Amino acid sequence: MSDTKPDYRLVNEPLMVGLMAMPMLFVWLLFRRGYAPSLRWIVIIYAFMPLVLQLIHSVMLDLLWELG
């Protein structure tokens, strides 16, 4: 048995720019073989965080509107 870790692909510069600019579009490229699972999860969370925050914001505004 070998104790070596698997070699994962590195994110190149154009992919990194795409992930930062349009994460929901470019996150699918990370599902190709070779990328670390932890990298995939981090980018998925980063990609969907604006949607989650917008949903929370909308719910809070609705609650404040009902109370006011």
N, C-alpha and C. Protein backbone atom coordinates (compact mmCIF):
# COMPACT_ATOMS: atom_id res chain seq x y z
N MET A 1 0.82 -1.18 0.00
CA MET A 1 0.00 0.00 0.00
C MET A 1 0.87 1.24 0.00
N SER A 2 0.47 2.21 -0.76
CA SER A 2 1.24 3.44 -0.85
C SER A 2 0.54 4.54 -0.04
N ASP A 3 1.32 5.34 0.64
CA ASP A 3 0.77 6.44 1.44
C ASP A 3 0.82 7.77 0.70
N THR A 4 1.08 7.75 -0.58
CA THR A 4 1.17 9.00 -1.32
C THR A 4 -0.22 9.50 -1.66
N LYS A 5 -0.36 10.82 -1.66
CA LYS A 5 -1.63 11.45 -2.00
C LYS A 5 -1.76 11.49 -3.52
N PRO A 6 -2.98 11.46 -4.02
CA PRO A 6 -3.15 11.55 -5.48
C PRO A 6 -2.76 12.94 -5.97
N ASP A 7 -2.24 13.00 -7.18
CA ASP A 7 -1.89 14.28 -7.78
C ASP A 7 -3.14 14.89 -8.39
N TYR A 8 -3.46 16.09 -7.94
CA TYR A 8 -4.62 16.79 -8.47
C TYR A 8 -4.18 17.84 -9.46
N ARG A 9 -5.07 18.15 -10.39
CA ARG A 9 -4.79 19.19 -11.38
C ARG A 9 -4.82 20.56 -10.70
N LEU A 10 -4.00 21.45 -11.20
CA LEU A 10 -4.03 22.82 -10.72
C LEU A 10 -4.97 23.64 -11.59
N VAL A 11 -5.54 24.66 -11.00
CA VAL A 11 -6.43 25.55 -11.74
C VAL A 11 -5.56 26.55 -12.49
N ASN A 12 -5.69 26.58 -13.82
CA ASN A 12 -4.88 27.52 -14.59
C ASN A 12 -5.50 28.91 -14.54
N GLU A 13 -4.77 29.91 -15.02
CA GLU A 13 -5.20 31.30 -14.90
C GLU A 13 -6.51 31.61 -15.60
N PRO A 14 -6.72 31.18 -16.85
CA PRO A 14 -8.01 31.48 -17.49
C PRO A 14 -9.20 30.86 -16.75
N LEU A 15 -9.04 29.65 -16.24
CA LEU A 15 -10.12 29.03 -15.48
C LEU A 15 -10.36 29.78 -14.18
N MET A 16 -9.31 30.23 -13.52
CA MET A 16 -9.46 30.99 -12.28
C MET A 16 -10.21 32.30 -12.53
N VAL A 17 -9.88 32.98 -13.62
CA VAL A 17 -10.59 34.23 -13.95
C VAL A 17 -12.06 33.93 -14.22
N GLY A 18 -12.33 32.86 -14.94
CA GLY A 18 -13.71 32.46 -15.20
C GLY A 18 -14.46 32.10 -13.94
N LEU A 19 -13.80 31.41 -13.02
CA LEU A 19 -14.43 31.05 -11.75
C LEU A 19 -14.74 32.27 -10.90
N MET A 20 -13.88 33.27 -10.96
CA MET A 20 -14.11 34.48 -10.18
C MET A 20 -15.20 35.35 -10.82
N ALA A 21 -15.23 35.41 -12.14
CA ALA A 21 -16.18 36.28 -12.84
C ALA A 21 -17.56 35.65 -12.97
N MET A 22 -17.63 34.40 -13.37
CA MET A 22 -18.91 33.72 -13.59
C MET A 22 -18.85 32.31 -12.99
N PRO A 23 -18.87 32.23 -11.66
CA PRO A 23 -18.66 30.93 -11.02
C PRO A 23 -19.71 29.88 -11.37
N MET A 24 -20.97 30.28 -11.53
CA MET A 24 -22.01 29.29 -11.81
C MET A 24 -21.84 28.64 -13.18
N LEU A 25 -21.18 29.33 -14.08
CA LEU A 25 -20.92 28.79 -15.41
C LEU A 25 -19.67 27.92 -15.41
N PHE A 26 -18.62 28.39 -14.79
CA PHE A 26 -17.32 27.72 -14.87
C PHE A 26 -17.14 26.61 -13.84
N VAL A 27 -18.01 26.53 -12.82
CA VAL A 27 -17.87 25.50 -11.81
C VAL A 27 -17.99 24.11 -12.42
N TRP A 28 -18.73 23.99 -13.51
CA TRP A 28 -18.93 22.67 -14.13
C TRP A 28 -17.64 22.13 -14.73
N LEU A 29 -16.71 23.01 -15.06
CA LEU A 29 -15.43 22.54 -15.59
C LEU A 29 -14.60 21.81 -14.53
N LEU A 30 -14.88 22.08 -13.27
CA LEU A 30 -14.13 21.42 -12.20
C LEU A 30 -14.57 19.99 -11.97
N PHE A 31 -15.67 19.57 -12.60
CA PHE A 31 -16.13 18.20 -12.43
C PHE A 31 -15.42 17.23 -13.38
N ARG A 32 -14.49 17.76 -14.16
CA ARG A 32 -13.66 16.86 -14.96
C ARG A 32 -12.70 16.13 -14.02
N ARG A 33 -12.17 15.04 -14.49
CA ARG A 33 -11.24 14.26 -13.66
C ARG A 33 -10.00 15.06 -13.30
N GLY A 34 -9.55 14.83 -12.09
CA GLY A 34 -8.26 15.38 -11.68
C GLY A 34 -8.32 16.52 -10.69
N TYR A 35 -9.48 17.19 -10.55
CA TYR A 35 -9.56 18.29 -9.60
C TYR A 35 -9.94 17.76 -8.22
N ALA A 36 -9.41 18.38 -7.19
CA ALA A 36 -9.64 17.93 -5.82
C ALA A 36 -11.10 18.14 -5.42
N PRO A 37 -11.68 17.19 -4.71
CA PRO A 37 -13.06 17.35 -4.25
C PRO A 37 -13.25 18.58 -3.35
N SER A 38 -12.25 18.89 -2.55
CA SER A 38 -12.37 20.07 -1.69
C SER A 38 -12.45 21.35 -2.52
N LEU A 39 -11.71 21.41 -3.61
CA LEU A 39 -11.78 22.57 -4.51
C LEU A 39 -13.17 22.69 -5.10
N ARG A 40 -13.75 21.58 -5.49
CA ARG A 40 -15.10 21.59 -6.05
C ARG A 40 -16.10 22.16 -5.06
N TRP A 41 -16.04 21.70 -3.80
CA TRP A 41 -16.98 22.17 -2.79
C TRP A 41 -16.80 23.66 -2.50
N ILE A 42 -15.58 24.11 -2.42
CA ILE A 42 -15.32 25.53 -2.15
C ILE A 42 -15.90 26.40 -3.27
N VAL A 43 -15.70 26.00 -4.50
CA VAL A 43 -16.21 26.79 -5.63
C VAL A 43 -17.73 26.71 -5.72
N ILE A 44 -18.32 25.56 -5.41
CA ILE A 44 -19.78 25.45 -5.42
C ILE A 44 -20.37 26.39 -4.36
N ILE A 45 -19.80 26.41 -3.18
CA ILE A 45 -20.28 27.31 -2.13
C ILE A 45 -20.12 28.76 -2.57
N TYR A 46 -18.98 29.09 -3.15
CA TYR A 46 -18.74 30.44 -3.65
C TYR A 46 -19.73 30.82 -4.75
N ALA A 47 -20.07 29.88 -5.60
CA ALA A 47 -20.95 30.15 -6.73
C ALA A 47 -22.39 30.41 -6.26
N PHE A 48 -22.85 29.68 -5.27
CA PHE A 48 -24.25 29.80 -4.85
C PHE A 48 -24.46 30.74 -3.66
N MET A 49 -23.40 31.28 -3.10
CA MET A 49 -23.53 32.18 -1.97
C MET A 49 -24.34 33.44 -2.31
N PRO A 50 -24.15 34.09 -3.45
CA PRO A 50 -24.99 35.26 -3.76
C PRO A 50 -26.48 34.93 -3.82
N LEU A 51 -26.84 33.76 -4.33
CA LEU A 51 -28.25 33.38 -4.37
C LEU A 51 -28.81 33.18 -2.97
N VAL A 52 -28.04 32.53 -2.11
CA VAL A 52 -28.48 32.30 -0.74
C VAL A 52 -28.62 33.62 0.01
N LEU A 53 -27.66 34.50 -0.16
CA LEU A 53 -27.73 35.80 0.51
C LEU A 53 -28.91 36.62 0.00
N GLN A 54 -29.18 36.58 -1.29
CA GLN A 54 -30.32 37.29 -1.85
C GLN A 54 -31.63 36.74 -1.31
N LEU A 55 -31.73 35.44 -1.18
CA LEU A 55 -32.92 34.82 -0.62
C LEU A 55 -33.14 35.24 0.83
N ILE A 56 -32.08 35.22 1.62
CA ILE A 56 -32.17 35.66 3.02
C ILE A 56 -32.59 37.12 3.09
N HIS A 57 -32.01 37.95 2.24
CA HIS A 57 -32.34 39.37 2.20
C HIS A 57 -33.81 39.58 1.86
N SER A 58 -34.32 38.85 0.87
CA SER A 58 -35.71 38.98 0.48
C SER A 58 -36.66 38.55 1.60
N VAL A 59 -36.33 37.47 2.27
CA VAL A 59 -37.17 37.00 3.38
C VAL A 59 -37.17 38.01 4.51
N MET A 60 -36.00 38.56 4.81
CA MET A 60 -35.93 39.56 5.87
C MET A 60 -36.73 40.80 5.52
N LEU A 61 -36.66 41.25 4.27
CA LEU A 61 -37.45 42.41 3.86
C LEU A 61 -38.94 42.13 3.96
N ASP A 62 -39.37 40.93 3.57
CA ASP A 62 -40.77 40.55 3.68
C ASP A 62 -41.23 40.54 5.13
N LEU A 63 -40.40 40.01 6.02
CA LEU A 63 -40.76 39.99 7.44
C LEU A 63 -40.84 41.41 8.01
N LEU A 64 -39.91 42.25 7.64
CA LEU A 64 -39.95 43.63 8.12
C LEU A 64 -41.15 44.39 7.55
N TRP A 65 -41.52 44.09 6.31
CA TRP A 65 -42.66 44.73 5.69
C TRP A 65 -43.95 44.33 6.42
N GLU A 66 -44.05 43.05 6.78
CA GLU A 66 -45.23 42.56 7.50
C GLU A 66 -45.33 43.15 8.90
N LEU A 67 -44.20 43.35 9.55
CA LEU A 67 -44.20 43.90 10.90
C LEU A 67 -44.45 45.41 10.92
N GLY A 68 -44.09 46.09 9.83
CA GLY A 68 -44.18 47.55 9.77
C GLY A 68 -45.47 48.06 9.35
